[in-house]
Amino acid sequence: MAQGGGKKFASDTVTVNTYLYLLSNLTQDEKIHIMQDRDEFIRSCTYEGVDCRSYFLPYVNTTYGTCYSFNLILNNDSDPSSGSRRTVFTGPPYGLDLELYLNASEWPSSALSSRGGVRVVIHRPDSLPSPEESGFDARAGSATNVALRQVEVSRLPYPYEHDCYSAWEKCGYYPSNSGNISYDVQMCRRMCLQATMVGSCKCKVPYIQDYFTFSNGTLNASRVCDIQAYKSLGIHLFFDITPDRVPKVWDRVSSLAGILSPSSTPHGVVWGDALKSMDLTQIRQNGSGSISTEVVKLLIYFSSVTQETMEESPAVTSITLLSNLGGALSLYLGISLVMFLEIIEIIPMIALAYISKCFGIGHKPPEDPPPRKRVPRRRAEHPIASAWGMKPN
């Protein structure tokens, strides 16, 4: 914080933002020219026992710099089998075995330097990876085993709560090579955020490197937002975008869930293999102790070939509604029906009684009753007073 209540970025943040701003202004050829060499970075790669070092597609990421993707469908030029590889066996022998050399000593030791490892992202062959939003870090100087299982999540479209999309045509964004790249939740959200920035301040955020078109235009003519200072217009607009302005775009998400487990491989075996893949000149210059901070051993395989599916379904459908009528609801409806029939039966009776009373309809006139006989009454006779005093003889 500056004096007087002003705000400013920390020195490391300024360095990162300056780096991102300069990187975003480079062309694609210039970015590839400054990338770390593939053969230097990937010292060893085997997939099901076959060498696969030449099957990686390079691309530049603003946060992690040089990135390489394996089995990506866009890498058909150098890898004819990209996107079509399938595995039917489980376990480490049938996985992807990588040995990576960081060469961190030749990179600047600042906020941009490596955090002592590499970023690993497991994604579908027809989707572009996003290291910032998913993935995990594999530390240098250790062997990391990753067991995978495939999970597919399906959500309901409008008018249900999620209001999901299922294709690029429905959400309005079209990435480069959209014919090969399937719809992806995270990528669509990044595009929506970038499109909002372009519409608000006529510049694109350097944090997002996706190339795409949308309903209001493209990103080709948009300049890069200057984020080197806190007072920049792009920074305030970026932080002003809330999640409410981003649409709900989930529909069908197919992902690979990774489970990290500590490696049981002895360190001597790991470093012995690493020494074989490194040049003897580098070992003499940097010393054998640098291997523990420069080499990453990574083993990725499937623990199960069974796909787990989670599908969202309506709480009540027409079928379930009809079936519920045979339960408690049918009892209430039955009682209501009986009461309704009773009311229908009473209404005519009440109307008939009213008409009969008012107009005398429906009753016969009373007949003359027969004459009743008069019964003579007897008068009670009381004995004379003298009779009480008489005595019998």
Protein backbone atom coordinates (compact mmCIF):
# COMPACT_ATOMS: atom_id res chain seq x y z
CA MET A 1 0.00 0.00 0.00
CA ALA A 2 1.27 3.44 -0.86
CA GLN A 3 0.99 6.50 1.35
CA GLY A 4 -2.27 8.43 1.21
CA GLY A 5 -4.39 5.30 0.69
CA GLY A 6 -3.15 4.65 -2.87
CA LYS A 7 -2.63 1.13 -4.15
CA LYS A 8 0.22 -0.41 -6.05
CA PHE A 9 1.38 -3.86 -7.01
CA ALA A 10 4.12 -5.72 -5.18
CA SER A 11 7.46 -5.97 -6.99
CA ASP A 12 6.94 -9.64 -7.91
CA THR A 13 3.48 -8.88 -9.30
CA VAL A 14 4.87 -6.05 -11.40
CA THR A 15 7.49 -8.41 -12.80
CA VAL A 16 4.89 -11.05 -13.65
CA ASN A 17 2.49 -8.57 -15.24
CA THR A 18 5.27 -7.02 -17.30
CA TYR A 19 6.33 -10.46 -18.48
CA LEU A 20 2.75 -11.36 -19.45
CA TYR A 21 2.26 -8.07 -21.25
CA LEU A 22 5.43 -8.47 -23.30
CA LEU A 23 4.75 -12.13 -24.04
CA SER A 24 1.26 -11.41 -25.33
CA ASN A 25 2.62 -8.90 -27.82
CA LEU A 26 4.85 -11.51 -29.47
CA THR A 27 3.86 -13.41 -32.58
CA GLN A 28 3.43 -17.17 -32.58
CA ASP A 29 6.78 -17.67 -34.34
CA GLU A 30 8.56 -15.45 -31.82
CA LYS A 31 7.05 -17.41 -28.94
CA ILE A 32 8.21 -20.72 -30.39
CA HIS A 33 11.70 -19.30 -30.88
CA ILE A 34 12.13 -18.52 -27.15
CA MET A 35 10.68 -21.85 -25.96
CA GLN A 36 12.78 -24.47 -24.26
CA ASP A 37 13.90 -27.18 -26.68
CA ARG A 38 11.74 -30.31 -26.58
CA ASP A 39 14.61 -32.78 -26.64
CA GLU A 40 16.31 -30.88 -23.84
CA PHE A 41 13.19 -30.82 -21.68
CA ILE A 42 11.88 -34.34 -22.40
CA ARG A 43 14.90 -36.57 -21.89
CA SER A 44 13.00 -39.85 -21.96
CA CYS A 45 9.46 -40.87 -22.92
CA THR A 46 7.90 -44.29 -23.40
CA TYR A 47 4.27 -45.17 -23.96
CA GLU A 48 3.47 -48.87 -23.65
CA GLY A 49 7.14 -49.56 -24.23
CA VAL A 50 7.45 -47.38 -27.39
CA ASP A 51 9.59 -44.23 -27.61
CA CYS A 52 7.29 -41.17 -27.78
CA ARG A 53 9.60 -38.14 -27.46
CA SER A 54 8.69 -36.89 -30.96
CA TYR A 55 4.95 -37.04 -30.30
CA PHE A 56 4.64 -33.85 -28.21
CA LEU A 57 3.01 -30.65 -29.51
CA PRO A 58 4.65 -27.44 -28.19
CA TYR A 59 2.71 -24.34 -27.20
CA VAL A 60 3.27 -21.31 -24.98
CA ASN A 61 1.40 -20.66 -21.75
CA THR A 62 1.51 -17.27 -20.03
CA THR A 63 1.90 -18.71 -16.54
CA TYR A 64 4.08 -21.76 -17.07
CA GLY A 65 5.96 -20.79 -20.23
CA THR A 66 6.92 -23.74 -22.41
CA CYS A 67 4.35 -26.53 -22.51
CA TYR A 68 4.14 -29.81 -24.44
CA SER A 69 1.01 -31.87 -25.04
CA PHE A 70 0.86 -35.61 -25.76
CA ASN A 71 -1.88 -37.32 -27.80
CA LEU A 72 -3.56 -33.99 -28.63
CA ILE A 73 -5.75 -34.24 -31.71
CA LEU A 74 -4.23 -31.05 -33.18
CA ASN A 75 -0.81 -32.72 -33.45
CA ASN A 76 -1.65 -34.76 -36.55
CA ASP A 77 1.27 -33.32 -38.53
CA SER A 78 4.01 -34.85 -36.37
CA ASP A 79 1.94 -37.63 -34.80
CA PRO A 80 -0.49 -39.48 -37.12
CA SER A 81 -1.97 -41.41 -34.17
CA SER A 82 -2.66 -38.33 -32.05
CA GLY A 83 -6.11 -38.31 -30.53
CA SER A 84 -6.78 -41.94 -31.40
CA ARG A 85 -4.61 -43.76 -28.87
CA ARG A 86 -6.53 -46.11 -26.62
CA THR A 87 -5.42 -48.36 -23.81
CA VAL A 88 -7.13 -51.57 -22.74
CA PHE A 89 -4.73 -52.53 -19.97
CA THR A 90 -4.13 -51.07 -16.55
CA GLY A 91 -1.02 -50.61 -14.48
CA PRO A 92 2.35 -48.85 -14.84
CA PRO A 93 3.71 -51.07 -17.66
CA TYR A 94 0.99 -49.76 -19.99
CA GLY A 95 1.20 -46.08 -19.10
CA LEU A 96 3.19 -42.98 -20.05
CA ASP A 97 6.68 -42.93 -18.52
CA LEU A 98 8.40 -39.53 -18.59
CA GLU A 99 11.75 -38.24 -17.48
CA LEU A 100 12.01 -34.44 -17.60
CA TYR A 101 14.98 -32.14 -17.22
CA LEU A 102 14.09 -28.68 -15.90
CA ASN A 103 17.38 -26.85 -16.51
CA ALA A 104 16.22 -24.31 -13.95
CA SER A 105 19.72 -22.93 -13.45
CA GLU A 106 19.50 -21.13 -16.81
CA TRP A 107 16.19 -19.43 -16.01
CA PRO A 108 15.80 -16.28 -13.85
CA SER A 109 15.28 -16.99 -10.16
CA SER A 110 12.35 -14.67 -9.50
CA ALA A 111 8.60 -14.98 -9.32
CA LEU A 112 8.72 -16.39 -12.84
CA SER A 113 11.06 -19.23 -11.99
CA SER A 114 9.98 -22.81 -11.54
CA ARG A 115 8.54 -23.81 -8.19
CA GLY A 116 10.76 -26.83 -8.03
CA GLY A 117 8.85 -29.02 -10.47
CA VAL A 118 6.55 -29.19 -13.47
CA ARG A 119 2.84 -28.65 -13.99
CA VAL A 120 0.95 -31.71 -15.23
CA VAL A 121 -2.53 -31.55 -16.75
CA ILE A 122 -4.61 -34.61 -17.65
CA HIS A 123 -7.15 -33.72 -20.35
CA ARG A 124 -9.11 -35.21 -23.22
CA PRO A 125 -7.42 -35.56 -26.63
CA ASP A 126 -9.98 -33.20 -28.22
CA SER A 127 -9.73 -30.39 -25.64
CA LEU A 128 -7.06 -27.77 -25.04
CA PRO A 129 -5.29 -27.99 -21.66
CA SER A 130 -5.60 -25.24 -19.05
CA PRO A 131 -2.73 -25.50 -16.52
CA GLU A 132 -4.01 -22.56 -14.46
CA GLU A 133 -7.42 -24.09 -13.82
CA SER A 134 -6.59 -27.78 -13.49
CA GLY A 135 -3.65 -30.09 -13.00
CA PHE A 136 -1.09 -30.73 -10.29
CA ASP A 137 2.57 -30.04 -9.57
CA ALA A 138 5.17 -32.80 -9.80
CA ARG A 139 8.16 -31.93 -7.61
CA ALA A 140 11.71 -32.12 -8.81
CA GLY A 141 13.94 -34.74 -7.24
CA SER A 142 11.12 -37.25 -6.79
CA ALA A 143 9.21 -39.85 -8.77
CA THR A 144 5.46 -39.26 -9.05
CA ASN A 145 2.95 -41.95 -9.94
CA VAL A 146 -0.49 -40.91 -11.21
CA ALA A 147 -3.32 -43.45 -11.38
CA LEU A 148 -6.27 -42.40 -13.55
CA ARG A 149 -9.93 -43.24 -13.86
CA GLN A 150 -12.32 -41.70 -16.37
CA VAL A 151 -15.37 -39.80 -15.14
CA GLU A 152 -18.16 -38.36 -17.27
CA VAL A 153 -20.65 -35.82 -15.88
CA SER A 154 -23.81 -34.92 -17.78
CA ARG A 155 -26.05 -31.99 -16.75
CA LEU A 156 -29.47 -30.89 -17.93
CA PRO A 157 -30.08 -27.96 -20.32
CA TYR A 158 -32.67 -25.19 -20.05
CA PRO A 159 -35.22 -24.87 -18.36
CA TYR A 160 -33.43 -26.66 -15.54
CA GLU A 161 -31.25 -24.87 -13.01
CA HIS A 162 -27.86 -25.20 -14.74
CA ASP A 163 -29.11 -23.90 -18.13
CA CYS A 164 -26.33 -25.84 -19.88
CA TYR A 165 -24.97 -25.78 -23.40
CA SER A 166 -23.76 -28.76 -25.40
CA ALA A 167 -21.92 -27.22 -28.39
CA TRP A 168 -19.96 -24.14 -29.41
CA GLU A 169 -22.85 -23.02 -31.62
CA LYS A 170 -25.12 -22.65 -28.61
CA CYS A 171 -22.74 -20.60 -26.45
CA GLY A 172 -21.68 -18.28 -29.30
CA TYR A 173 -17.89 -18.79 -29.17
CA TYR A 174 -15.83 -20.55 -31.83
CA PRO A 175 -12.24 -21.52 -30.98
CA SER A 176 -9.57 -22.04 -33.59
CA ASN A 177 -9.94 -25.48 -35.17
CA SER A 178 -13.40 -25.74 -33.64
CA GLY A 179 -14.08 -28.67 -35.95
CA ASN A 180 -11.57 -30.77 -33.99
CA ILE A 181 -11.88 -29.23 -30.53
CA SER A 182 -14.95 -30.42 -28.63
CA TYR A 183 -17.00 -28.22 -26.36
CA ASP A 184 -15.24 -27.59 -23.06
CA VAL A 185 -16.57 -25.88 -19.94
CA GLN A 186 -13.41 -24.16 -18.79
CA MET A 187 -12.46 -22.98 -22.26
CA CYS A 188 -15.92 -21.51 -22.83
CA ARG A 189 -15.70 -19.58 -19.58
CA ARG A 190 -12.30 -18.19 -20.53
CA MET A 191 -13.69 -17.09 -23.87
CA CYS A 192 -16.67 -15.45 -22.21
CA LEU A 193 -14.37 -13.56 -19.85
CA GLN A 194 -12.09 -12.45 -22.68
CA ALA A 195 -15.04 -11.38 -24.83
CA THR A 196 -16.41 -9.33 -21.93
CA MET A 197 -13.06 -7.59 -21.54
CA VAL A 198 -12.84 -6.82 -25.26
CA GLY A 199 -16.35 -5.41 -25.22
CA SER A 200 -15.70 -3.30 -22.12
CA CYS A 201 -12.27 -1.79 -22.77
CA LYS A 202 -11.40 -2.81 -26.35
CA CYS A 203 -8.36 -4.82 -25.21
CA LYS A 204 -7.67 -8.44 -24.37
CA VAL A 205 -6.36 -9.83 -21.08
CA PRO A 206 -2.85 -11.32 -21.43
CA TYR A 207 -3.67 -14.01 -18.88
CA ILE A 208 -5.86 -15.74 -21.48
CA GLN A 209 -4.12 -16.99 -24.62
CA ASP A 210 -7.09 -18.62 -26.38
CA TYR A 211 -7.71 -17.63 -30.00
CA PHE A 212 -11.39 -17.60 -30.92
CA THR A 213 -14.18 -15.71 -32.62
CA PHE A 214 -17.52 -14.69 -31.16
CA SER A 215 -20.74 -13.01 -32.21
CA ASN A 216 -19.37 -9.47 -31.89
CA GLY A 217 -16.07 -10.00 -33.70
CA THR A 218 -12.61 -11.48 -33.24
CA LEU A 219 -9.54 -10.86 -31.08
CA ASN A 220 -7.16 -10.18 -33.95
CA ALA A 221 -7.61 -6.40 -33.96
CA SER A 222 -7.72 -6.07 -30.17
CA ARG A 223 -4.67 -4.75 -28.39
CA VAL A 224 -3.26 -6.25 -25.20
CA CYS A 225 -4.43 -4.63 -21.96
CA ASP A 226 -1.66 -2.84 -20.11
CA ILE A 227 -1.61 -4.52 -16.71
CA GLN A 228 1.83 -3.33 -15.62
CA ALA A 229 0.41 -0.77 -13.16
CA TYR A 230 -2.49 -0.93 -10.74
CA LYS A 231 -4.01 2.25 -12.18
CA SER A 232 -4.38 0.67 -15.61
CA LEU A 233 -7.90 0.63 -16.96
CA GLY A 234 -7.72 -3.03 -17.87
CA ILE A 235 -6.96 -4.06 -14.27
CA HIS A 236 -10.06 -2.36 -12.87
CA LEU A 237 -12.30 -3.79 -15.57
CA PHE A 238 -10.82 -7.24 -15.02
CA PHE A 239 -11.53 -7.21 -11.28
CA ASP A 240 -14.96 -5.70 -11.91
CA ILE A 241 -16.14 -8.78 -13.82
CA THR A 242 -18.13 -10.91 -11.39
CA PRO A 243 -19.15 -14.55 -11.80
CA ASP A 244 -22.75 -13.40 -12.32
CA ARG A 245 -21.75 -11.97 -15.70
CA VAL A 246 -20.40 -15.31 -16.84
CA PRO A 247 -23.10 -17.67 -18.16
CA LYS A 248 -23.68 -21.15 -16.90
CA VAL A 249 -22.17 -23.26 -19.64
CA TRP A 250 -21.93 -26.79 -18.27
CA ASP A 251 -23.41 -29.63 -20.23
CA ARG A 252 -21.27 -32.73 -20.63
CA VAL A 253 -17.88 -32.82 -18.99
CA SER A 254 -15.64 -35.78 -19.58
CA SER A 255 -12.49 -35.69 -17.50
CA LEU A 256 -9.74 -37.93 -16.24
CA ALA A 257 -9.48 -37.96 -12.47
CA GLY A 258 -5.91 -38.37 -11.26
CA ILE A 259 -4.88 -39.94 -7.95
CA LEU A 260 -1.42 -39.06 -6.69
CA SER A 261 0.50 -41.67 -4.79
CA PRO A 262 4.02 -41.65 -3.36
CA SER A 263 6.51 -43.56 -5.42
CA SER A 264 8.11 -46.70 -4.06
CA THR A 265 10.97 -46.56 -6.58
CA PRO A 266 14.36 -46.32 -4.85
CA HIS A 267 16.09 -43.01 -5.43
CA GLY A 268 19.21 -44.77 -6.63
CA VAL A 269 17.31 -46.33 -9.53
CA VAL A 270 15.69 -43.01 -10.49
CA TRP A 271 18.92 -41.05 -10.46
CA GLY A 272 20.74 -43.86 -12.22
CA ASP A 273 18.30 -43.62 -15.12
CA ALA A 274 18.55 -39.83 -15.06
CA LEU A 275 22.33 -39.94 -15.30
CA LYS A 276 22.09 -42.08 -18.41
CA SER A 277 19.81 -39.55 -20.15
CA MET A 278 21.94 -36.49 -19.29
CA ASP A 279 25.10 -35.37 -20.98
CA LEU A 280 28.34 -36.03 -19.14
CA THR A 281 29.34 -32.39 -19.76
CA GLN A 282 26.32 -31.11 -17.85
CA ILE A 283 27.04 -33.44 -14.96
CA ARG A 284 30.61 -32.16 -14.69
CA GLN A 285 29.57 -28.51 -14.90
CA ASN A 286 26.62 -28.63 -12.50
CA GLY A 287 27.69 -31.55 -10.32
CA SER A 288 25.77 -34.74 -9.66
CA GLY A 289 23.95 -33.06 -6.74
CA SER A 290 22.06 -30.81 -9.16
CA ILE A 291 20.20 -33.82 -10.57
CA SER A 292 17.93 -33.93 -7.51
CA THR A 293 16.72 -30.39 -8.29
CA GLU A 294 16.67 -30.64 -12.09
CA VAL A 295 15.03 -34.00 -12.89
CA VAL A 296 11.36 -35.02 -12.60
CA LYS A 297 10.28 -38.66 -12.92
CA LEU A 298 6.62 -39.07 -13.90
CA LEU A 299 4.54 -42.20 -14.50
CA ILE A 300 0.92 -41.89 -15.64
CA TYR A 301 -1.34 -44.90 -16.10
CA PHE A 302 -4.93 -46.07 -15.74
CA SER A 303 -5.95 -47.86 -12.57
CA SER A 304 -9.25 -48.92 -14.15
CA VAL A 305 -10.60 -49.01 -17.70
CA THR A 306 -14.19 -48.72 -16.46
CA GLN A 307 -15.77 -45.34 -17.09
CA GLU A 308 -17.75 -43.77 -14.26
CA THR A 309 -20.81 -41.83 -15.41
CA MET A 310 -22.72 -39.26 -13.34
CA GLU A 311 -25.87 -38.09 -15.11
CA GLU A 312 -28.20 -35.38 -13.87
CA SER A 313 -31.89 -36.25 -14.18
CA PRO A 314 -35.16 -34.40 -13.38
CA ALA A 315 -36.56 -34.92 -9.91
CA VAL A 316 -40.07 -35.53 -11.30
CA THR A 317 -40.92 -36.70 -14.82
CA SER A 318 -44.22 -37.54 -16.46
CA ILE A 319 -43.62 -41.24 -15.83
CA THR A 320 -42.81 -40.79 -12.16
CA LEU A 321 -45.79 -38.46 -11.78
CA LEU A 322 -48.14 -41.13 -13.12
CA SER A 323 -46.57 -43.78 -10.92
CA ASN A 324 -47.03 -41.61 -7.84
CA LEU A 325 -50.76 -41.60 -8.48
CA GLY A 326 -50.86 -45.21 -7.31
CA GLY A 327 -49.51 -44.26 -3.90
CA ALA A 328 -50.64 -41.80 -1.28
CA LEU A 329 -51.78 -39.32 -3.89
CA SER A 330 -54.30 -41.84 -5.28
CA LEU A 331 -55.81 -42.20 -1.78
CA TYR A 332 -56.38 -38.47 -1.50
CA LEU A 333 -57.84 -38.34 -4.98
CA GLY A 334 -60.15 -41.27 -4.17
CA ILE A 335 -61.49 -39.56 -1.06
CA SER A 336 -62.01 -36.35 -2.98
CA LEU A 337 -63.89 -38.23 -5.72
CA VAL A 338 -66.25 -39.85 -3.20
CA MET A 339 -66.98 -36.49 -1.63
CA PHE A 340 -67.62 -35.01 -5.05
CA LEU A 341 -70.12 -37.76 -5.89
CA GLU A 342 -71.90 -37.24 -2.56
CA ILE A 343 -72.25 -33.56 -3.32
CA ILE A 344 -73.64 -34.33 -6.77
CA GLU A 345 -76.21 -36.65 -5.16
CA ILE A 346 -77.28 -34.17 -2.48
CA ILE A 347 -77.74 -31.19 -4.83
CA PRO A 348 -80.77 -32.72 -6.74
CA MET A 349 -82.38 -33.81 -3.48
CA ILE A 350 -82.12 -30.32 -2.06
CA ALA A 351 -83.56 -28.81 -5.25
CA LEU A 352 -86.48 -31.28 -5.27
CA ALA A 353 -87.29 -30.58 -1.64
CA TYR A 354 -87.28 -26.84 -2.28
CA ILE A 355 -89.58 -27.13 -5.29
CA SER A 356 -91.96 -29.41 -3.39
CA LYS A 357 -92.17 -27.01 -0.50
CA CYS A 358 -92.74 -23.92 -2.62
CA PHE A 359 -95.10 -25.31 -5.28
CA GLY A 360 -96.56 -28.33 -3.57
CA ILE A 361 -95.35 -30.70 -6.15
CA GLY A 362 -94.61 -34.26 -5.34
CA HIS A 363 -96.99 -34.69 -2.27
CA LYS A 364 -100.64 -36.11 -2.20
CA PRO A 365 -103.32 -34.11 -0.37
CA PRO A 366 -104.17 -35.62 3.05
CA GLU A 367 -107.42 -37.71 3.23
CA ASP A 368 -110.22 -37.04 5.82
CA PRO A 369 -109.52 -39.03 8.90
CA PRO A 370 -112.25 -41.45 10.10
CA PRO A 371 -114.49 -40.18 12.92
CA ARG A 372 -113.28 -41.08 16.31
CA LYS A 373 -115.64 -42.61 18.86
CA ARG A 374 -116.31 -40.77 22.03
CA VAL A 375 -115.80 -42.82 25.13
CA PRO A 376 -118.02 -41.74 28.04
CA ARG A 377 -116.20 -40.87 31.12
CA ARG A 378 -117.20 -42.31 34.46
CA ARG A 379 -117.47 -40.09 37.41
CA ALA A 380 -115.77 -41.31 40.48
CA GLU A 381 -118.09 -42.08 43.32
CA HIS A 382 -116.93 -41.50 46.80
CA PRO A 383 -118.46 -43.16 49.87
CA ILE A 384 -120.50 -41.05 52.18
CA ALA A 385 -118.94 -39.87 55.31
CA SER A 386 -121.26 -41.98 57.52
CA ALA A 387 -120.00 -45.10 55.82
CA TRP A 388 -116.58 -44.74 57.34
CA GLY A 389 -117.99 -45.04 60.79
CA MET A 390 -119.99 -48.21 60.23
CA LYS A 391 -118.90 -51.33 61.93
CA PRO A 392 -119.51 -54.74 60.66
CA ASN A 393 -121.99 -56.92 62.53
